[in-house]
Amino acid sequence: MEGTRKPPSRLTGSITDVPGIQVGHATVRGGGSGCTVLLGPFRGAVDLGGAGTGSRELETLRPRHKVPQVDALLLTGGSAFGLSAASGVMAWLEEQGRGHPTPAGPVPIVPAAVIYDLAPERGRPGLEEGYAAAESGRRGSVQRGRVGAGTGATVGKFLGIERASLGGLGTASRRMEQWRVGALAVVNALGNVLGRDGVVVAGAQGEDGCFLSLEPETGSGADMGGWDQSKAAEIPEGNTTLAVVATDVPLTQPALGMLARMASAALSRRIAPVFTPFDGDLTFALSTGMVDGGFTSPAAFQQERLLRLGVVAREALEDAILDAVSEASTAGVQK
């Protein structure tokens, strides 16, 4: 019951601070791409923001779906090719006897989403990498930066990949009362990443190495910081930010849908531009919490507390986005 929960222990600053969440990474042979697995089980929902989403099994996160929970979540490079890594995650889960019960045995449920990081002669995550990522899943601090699904990530590509900066994978965690809230982000955005002061911290670079903005300067309404609209057709397709927030607050899928939508505001605050026709941005919300064997409703949790939970989740996700690029090089990224 809520009233008997023990105070949370010290946070590590990772999404794995949420009880019941484990994270594992794998990289393709030769490097340049990889995948990341979050192991549950957990209840989930998703909010789609971009126009170029690549995904699998997202329907299992809809309130109308019969499956009450999912067993893992896969974030992967390799564009649509990388979705095959979910089969490796399923194989590992099946070996553990985990999955949705059926007369023929458990069927693991693994929603997945991709970033585009394809390049000539670069490998793509597949069954082998998905299995390895699931097998490496654990609690504790999560490896960050150019790892897992963030291995091939780049940011600030609206002037071309040669002007971009390195992206990556980041994570963070916070508390709200006795509950824990975690976030994880794979940042591979068309737009720049902005610090909390609004200044670009990773993104498109000019000839002098300084960051350029697609946003007009204050009051000018015209200066696009080096943006040449005639080059719009040359915008790289390789974009997308994958975001996850998780909590041990025992929320239903409809409530998790509200949480995902609120948390997705973090992308708008830390990435500019975002949710573009060239990005497949999406935000997952996960809950591992149970009360008396079931998931509570927004009314039972109280709408005001759900509101505060959404704010905390958004702040944690902002932290994760900044964490993803905090150690990235400011040097140009080659194709």
Protein backbone atom coordinates (compact mmCIF):
# COMPACT_ATOMS: atom_id res chain seq x y z
CA MET A 1 0.00 0.00 0.00
CA GLU A 2 1.11 3.59 -0.55
CA GLY A 3 1.29 4.36 3.16
CA THR A 4 3.70 1.50 3.91
CA ARG A 5 6.34 2.27 1.27
CA LYS A 6 9.85 2.74 2.60
CA PRO A 7 11.68 5.99 1.86
CA PRO A 8 13.72 5.69 -1.37
CA SER A 9 17.46 5.09 -1.13
CA ARG A 10 20.06 7.39 -2.69
CA LEU A 11 19.58 8.01 -6.42
CA THR A 12 22.29 7.13 -8.93
CA GLY A 13 20.99 9.55 -11.55
CA SER A 14 19.86 6.77 -13.89
CA ILE A 15 16.47 5.52 -15.05
CA THR A 16 17.34 2.30 -13.22
CA ASP A 17 16.67 4.14 -9.96
CA VAL A 18 13.04 3.24 -10.70
CA PRO A 19 12.48 -0.20 -9.12
CA GLY A 20 11.91 -2.89 -11.71
CA ILE A 21 13.84 -1.21 -14.55
CA GLN A 22 17.05 -2.69 -15.94
CA VAL A 23 19.05 -1.34 -18.89
CA GLY A 24 21.46 -3.08 -21.26
CA HIS A 25 23.42 -1.96 -24.34
CA ALA A 26 25.00 -3.63 -27.35
CA THR A 27 27.05 -2.30 -30.27
CA VAL A 28 27.30 -3.71 -33.79
CA ARG A 29 30.56 -5.24 -34.93
CA GLY A 30 32.79 -2.48 -36.20
CA GLY A 31 30.89 0.17 -34.25
CA GLY A 32 28.80 3.05 -35.49
CA SER A 33 25.41 1.78 -34.31
CA GLY A 34 23.82 -0.23 -31.54
CA CYS A 35 20.76 -0.84 -29.43
CA THR A 36 19.52 -0.35 -25.87
CA VAL A 37 17.01 -2.50 -24.00
CA LEU A 38 14.92 -1.55 -20.97
CA LEU A 39 13.79 -4.70 -19.19
CA GLY A 40 10.52 -4.81 -17.24
CA PRO A 41 7.85 -5.93 -17.03
CA PHE A 42 6.02 -2.63 -16.94
CA ARG A 43 2.86 -0.88 -18.03
CA GLY A 44 3.45 1.50 -20.92
CA ALA A 45 2.11 4.25 -23.17
CA VAL A 46 3.57 6.29 -26.01
CA ASP A 47 3.17 9.79 -27.43
CA LEU A 48 4.22 10.30 -31.07
CA GLY A 49 5.52 13.73 -32.00
CA GLY A 50 7.55 13.38 -35.19
CA ALA A 51 6.49 12.47 -38.71
CA GLY A 52 9.16 9.85 -39.44
CA THR A 53 8.70 7.27 -36.69
CA GLY A 54 10.03 3.73 -37.19
CA SER A 55 8.49 1.32 -34.72
CA ARG A 56 7.20 -2.14 -33.82
CA GLU A 57 4.46 -3.36 -31.46
CA LEU A 58 3.41 0.16 -30.39
CA GLU A 59 -0.20 -1.02 -30.51
CA THR A 60 0.45 -3.05 -27.33
CA LEU A 61 0.83 0.30 -25.54
CA ARG A 62 -2.71 1.43 -26.41
CA PRO A 63 -5.36 1.27 -23.66
CA ARG A 64 -7.63 -0.88 -25.83
CA HIS A 65 -5.03 -3.63 -26.26
CA LYS A 66 -5.62 -6.88 -24.34
CA VAL A 67 -1.99 -7.24 -23.19
CA PRO A 68 -1.82 -5.73 -19.67
CA GLN A 69 1.93 -5.13 -19.68
CA VAL A 70 5.02 -5.42 -21.85
CA ASP A 71 8.22 -7.28 -21.04
CA ALA A 72 10.85 -4.95 -22.48
CA LEU A 73 11.35 -1.84 -24.60
CA LEU A 74 13.91 -1.71 -27.40
CA LEU A 75 15.56 1.51 -28.64
CA THR A 76 17.79 0.87 -31.61
CA GLY A 77 19.83 2.31 -34.43
CA GLY A 78 19.72 0.95 -37.96
CA SER A 79 16.46 2.58 -39.02
CA ALA A 80 13.75 0.03 -39.87
CA PHE A 81 16.43 -2.66 -40.29
CA GLY A 82 17.24 -2.32 -36.59
CA LEU A 83 13.76 -3.43 -35.59
CA SER A 84 14.93 -7.01 -36.15
CA ALA A 85 16.90 -6.67 -32.90
CA ALA A 86 13.58 -7.05 -31.08
CA SER A 87 13.60 -10.72 -32.08
CA GLY A 88 16.86 -11.14 -30.17
CA VAL A 89 15.32 -9.52 -27.11
CA MET A 90 12.33 -11.85 -27.44
CA ALA A 91 14.63 -14.89 -27.71
CA TRP A 92 16.39 -13.95 -24.47
CA LEU A 93 13.11 -13.31 -22.66
CA GLU A 94 11.70 -16.63 -23.87
CA GLU A 95 14.72 -18.43 -22.42
CA GLN A 96 13.89 -16.77 -19.09
CA GLY A 97 10.28 -17.96 -19.32
CA ARG A 98 9.02 -14.39 -19.52
CA GLY A 99 6.19 -13.15 -21.69
CA HIS A 100 2.44 -12.92 -22.13
CA PRO A 101 0.95 -16.32 -21.20
CA THR A 102 -0.59 -18.34 -24.04
CA PRO A 103 -1.55 -22.03 -24.37
CA ALA A 104 1.66 -22.62 -26.35
CA GLY A 105 3.85 -20.86 -23.80
CA PRO A 106 4.82 -17.27 -22.93
CA VAL A 107 5.14 -14.78 -25.80
CA PRO A 108 7.45 -11.87 -24.93
CA ILE A 109 6.02 -8.44 -25.80
CA VAL A 110 8.73 -6.00 -26.92
CA PRO A 111 7.73 -2.62 -28.38
CA ALA A 112 10.57 -0.99 -30.30
CA ALA A 113 11.52 2.33 -31.90
CA VAL A 114 14.45 3.34 -34.08
CA ILE A 115 16.75 6.19 -34.98
CA TYR A 116 18.23 6.57 -38.44
CA ASP A 117 22.03 6.24 -38.29
CA LEU A 118 22.64 4.31 -41.52
CA ALA A 119 25.97 4.80 -43.28
CA PRO A 120 27.90 2.91 -45.97
CA GLU A 121 29.58 -0.24 -44.65
CA ARG A 122 28.11 0.35 -41.17
CA GLY A 123 26.46 -2.62 -39.48
CA ARG A 124 22.89 -2.61 -38.26
CA PRO A 125 21.61 -4.02 -34.97
CA GLY A 126 19.94 -7.41 -35.40
CA LEU A 127 19.04 -10.52 -33.47
CA GLU A 128 22.57 -10.92 -32.07
CA GLU A 129 22.73 -7.37 -30.72
CA GLY A 130 19.19 -7.49 -29.32
CA TYR A 131 19.99 -10.69 -27.42
CA ALA A 132 23.28 -9.26 -26.12
CA ALA A 133 21.65 -6.04 -24.95
CA ALA A 134 18.94 -7.95 -23.07
CA GLU A 135 21.49 -10.31 -21.54
CA SER A 136 23.55 -7.34 -20.29
CA GLY A 137 20.56 -5.64 -18.64
CA ARG A 138 21.13 -4.65 -15.03
CA ARG A 139 20.31 -2.18 -12.30
CA GLY A 140 22.71 0.55 -11.19
CA SER A 141 24.36 3.33 -13.14
CA VAL A 142 23.67 3.32 -16.88
CA GLN A 143 26.52 3.84 -19.34
CA ARG A 144 25.94 7.10 -21.21
CA GLY A 145 27.06 8.90 -24.33
CA ARG A 146 28.11 7.06 -27.49
CA VAL A 147 26.74 3.69 -26.40
CA GLY A 148 23.84 1.42 -27.34
CA ALA A 149 21.19 3.16 -29.41
CA GLY A 150 23.14 6.42 -29.07
CA THR A 151 26.31 5.10 -30.71
CA GLY A 152 25.66 6.68 -34.11
CA ALA A 153 23.58 9.66 -33.00
CA THR A 154 24.22 13.19 -34.26
CA VAL A 155 22.51 16.54 -33.65
CA GLY A 156 22.10 19.83 -35.52
CA LYS A 157 21.89 18.46 -39.07
CA PHE A 158 19.82 21.18 -40.73
CA LEU A 159 22.98 22.47 -42.46
CA GLY A 160 24.15 18.98 -43.41
CA ILE A 161 25.83 16.13 -41.55
CA GLU A 162 29.29 17.71 -42.01
CA ARG A 163 28.19 20.62 -39.79
CA ALA A 164 26.58 18.45 -37.09
CA SER A 165 27.73 17.59 -33.56
CA LEU A 166 27.79 14.27 -31.78
CA GLY A 167 24.60 13.11 -30.10
CA GLY A 168 24.22 10.12 -27.81
CA LEU A 169 22.29 8.51 -24.97
CA GLY A 170 21.62 10.15 -21.62
CA THR A 171 19.72 9.35 -18.46
CA ALA A 172 18.60 11.02 -15.24
CA SER A 173 16.38 10.49 -12.21
CA ARG A 174 14.41 12.47 -9.63
CA ARG A 175 12.12 11.93 -6.65
CA MET A 176 8.55 12.97 -6.01
CA GLU A 177 7.47 12.25 -2.46
CA GLN A 178 8.20 8.53 -1.89
CA TRP A 179 8.15 7.79 -5.61
CA ARG A 180 10.96 7.67 -8.12
CA VAL A 181 10.97 9.09 -11.63
CA GLY A 182 13.61 8.29 -14.25
CA ALA A 183 14.29 9.31 -17.83
CA LEU A 184 16.39 8.12 -20.73
CA ALA A 185 16.91 9.82 -24.11
CA VAL A 186 18.59 8.88 -27.38
CA VAL A 187 19.26 12.26 -28.99
CA ASN A 188 19.69 12.12 -32.78
CA ALA A 189 17.89 15.34 -33.68
CA LEU A 190 17.74 17.49 -36.78
CA GLY A 191 17.70 20.49 -34.44
CA ASN A 192 20.17 21.88 -31.93
CA VAL A 193 20.24 20.98 -28.24
CA LEU A 194 19.73 23.98 -25.96
CA GLY A 195 20.94 24.43 -22.41
CA ARG A 196 18.55 25.58 -19.70
CA ASP A 197 19.61 29.15 -20.46
CA GLY A 198 18.52 28.73 -24.08
CA VAL A 199 22.07 28.73 -25.43
CA VAL A 200 23.04 26.04 -27.97
CA VAL A 201 25.23 23.37 -26.34
CA ALA A 202 25.36 20.94 -29.30
CA GLY A 203 24.29 21.32 -32.90
CA ALA A 204 25.06 22.83 -36.29
CA GLN A 205 28.41 24.59 -36.57
CA GLY A 206 29.66 27.38 -38.77
CA GLU A 207 33.01 27.64 -40.53
CA ASP A 208 34.50 29.09 -37.34
CA GLY A 209 33.23 26.21 -35.20
CA CYS A 210 30.59 28.32 -33.47
CA PHE A 211 27.08 26.96 -33.19
CA LEU A 212 24.47 28.28 -35.61
CA SER A 213 20.76 28.57 -34.92
CA LEU A 214 17.70 28.02 -37.06
CA GLU A 215 15.86 30.43 -34.77
CA PRO A 216 15.65 34.13 -35.74
CA GLU A 217 17.66 36.48 -33.56
CA THR A 218 15.54 38.31 -31.03
CA GLY A 219 13.74 41.20 -32.67
CA SER A 220 15.05 40.56 -36.19
CA GLY A 221 12.49 38.05 -37.42
CA ALA A 222 14.75 37.35 -40.39
CA ASP A 223 18.29 36.29 -39.47
CA MET A 224 18.28 32.48 -39.62
CA GLY A 225 21.85 32.06 -38.47
CA GLY A 226 23.30 30.79 -41.73
CA TRP A 227 20.24 28.84 -42.85
CA ASP A 228 19.84 28.69 -46.63
CA GLN A 229 16.23 27.74 -47.42
CA SER A 230 17.27 26.67 -50.92
CA LYS A 231 18.99 23.72 -49.29
CA ALA A 232 15.80 22.39 -47.67
CA ALA A 233 15.75 19.37 -49.99
CA GLU A 234 19.26 18.45 -48.76
CA ILE A 235 18.21 18.04 -45.13
CA PRO A 236 19.52 14.66 -43.94
CA GLU A 237 16.82 12.08 -43.20
CA GLY A 238 18.87 10.66 -40.33
CA ASN A 239 17.09 12.13 -37.34
CA THR A 240 14.83 11.25 -34.35
CA THR A 241 14.94 11.59 -30.57
CA LEU A 242 13.70 8.59 -28.59
CA ALA A 243 12.61 9.52 -25.06
CA VAL A 244 11.52 7.40 -22.09
CA VAL A 245 10.19 8.38 -18.68
CA ALA A 246 9.55 5.75 -16.02
CA THR A 247 8.15 5.70 -12.50
CA ASP A 248 7.08 3.33 -9.75
CA VAL A 249 3.85 5.32 -9.33
CA PRO A 250 1.18 2.68 -10.17
CA LEU A 251 -0.56 4.34 -13.11
CA THR A 252 -3.00 2.93 -15.64
CA GLN A 253 -2.32 3.15 -19.38
CA PRO A 254 -4.60 6.21 -19.81
CA ALA A 255 -2.73 7.97 -17.02
CA LEU A 256 0.60 6.94 -18.56
CA GLY A 257 -0.60 8.44 -21.83
CA MET A 258 -1.12 11.75 -20.03
CA LEU A 259 2.34 11.42 -18.47
CA ALA A 260 4.00 10.73 -21.84
CA ARG A 261 2.32 13.78 -23.38
CA MET A 262 3.36 16.06 -20.52
CA ALA A 263 6.92 14.73 -20.44
CA SER A 264 7.32 15.18 -24.20
CA ALA A 265 7.39 18.94 -23.58
CA ALA A 266 11.02 18.37 -22.59
CA LEU A 267 11.88 17.88 -26.25
CA SER A 268 10.35 21.24 -27.15
CA ARG A 269 12.30 22.96 -24.36
CA ARG A 270 15.71 21.40 -25.08
CA ILE A 271 15.70 20.77 -28.86
CA ALA A 272 15.08 23.39 -31.57
CA PRO A 273 13.48 22.72 -33.95
CA VAL A 274 11.74 19.52 -32.86
CA PHE A 275 8.82 17.33 -34.04
CA THR A 276 9.78 18.21 -37.61
CA PRO A 277 8.79 16.42 -40.85
CA PHE A 278 12.34 14.98 -40.79
CA ASP A 279 12.26 13.54 -37.24
CA GLY A 280 10.50 10.49 -35.80
CA ASP A 281 10.40 11.81 -32.22
CA LEU A 282 8.39 9.87 -29.67
CA THR A 283 8.11 9.61 -25.88
CA PHE A 284 7.37 6.47 -23.88
CA ALA A 285 6.00 6.46 -20.32
CA LEU A 286 6.46 3.33 -18.19
CA SER A 287 5.18 2.27 -14.76
CA THR A 288 6.49 -0.60 -12.66
CA GLY A 289 4.33 0.21 -9.64
CA MET A 290 1.63 -2.04 -8.21
CA VAL A 291 -0.84 -1.45 -5.36
CA ASP A 292 -2.79 -4.42 -4.01
CA GLY A 293 -1.89 -6.34 -7.15
CA GLY A 294 -3.23 -3.77 -9.60
CA PHE A 295 -2.63 -0.44 -11.27
CA THR A 296 -4.32 2.57 -9.75
CA SER A 297 -6.31 5.18 -11.66
CA PRO A 298 -5.58 8.90 -12.07
CA ALA A 299 -8.48 9.65 -9.73
CA ALA A 300 -7.07 7.33 -7.07
CA PHE A 301 -3.65 8.94 -7.39
CA GLN A 302 -5.25 12.40 -7.43
CA GLN A 303 -5.17 14.62 -10.48
CA GLU A 304 -3.08 17.27 -8.74
CA ARG A 305 -0.34 14.75 -7.95
CA LEU A 306 -0.45 13.44 -11.52
CA LEU A 307 0.11 17.02 -12.66
CA ARG A 308 3.16 17.34 -10.44
CA LEU A 309 4.41 13.94 -11.61
CA GLY A 310 4.24 15.17 -15.21
CA VAL A 311 6.35 18.21 -14.32
CA VAL A 312 8.95 16.08 -12.52
CA ALA A 313 9.08 13.63 -15.46
CA ARG A 314 9.55 16.51 -17.91
CA GLU A 315 12.39 17.94 -15.84
CA ALA A 316 14.08 14.51 -15.62
CA LEU A 317 13.77 14.10 -19.38
CA GLU A 318 15.32 17.53 -19.94
CA ASP A 319 18.23 16.40 -17.76
CA ALA A 320 18.57 13.19 -19.81
CA ILE A 321 18.65 15.10 -23.11
CA LEU A 322 21.41 17.38 -21.84
CA ASP A 323 23.24 14.39 -20.38
CA ALA A 324 23.22 12.72 -23.81
CA VAL A 325 25.33 15.48 -25.38
CA SER A 326 27.29 16.72 -22.35
CA GLU A 327 30.47 14.85 -23.30
CA ALA A 328 30.03 15.11 -27.07
CA SER A 329 32.76 16.62 -29.18
CA THR A 330 32.11 19.97 -30.83
CA ALA A 331 34.09 18.89 -33.89
CA GLY A 332 32.21 18.27 -37.14
CA VAL A 333 30.92 14.78 -37.76
CA GLN A 334 31.90 13.11 -41.03
CA LYS A 335 29.50 10.95 -43.03
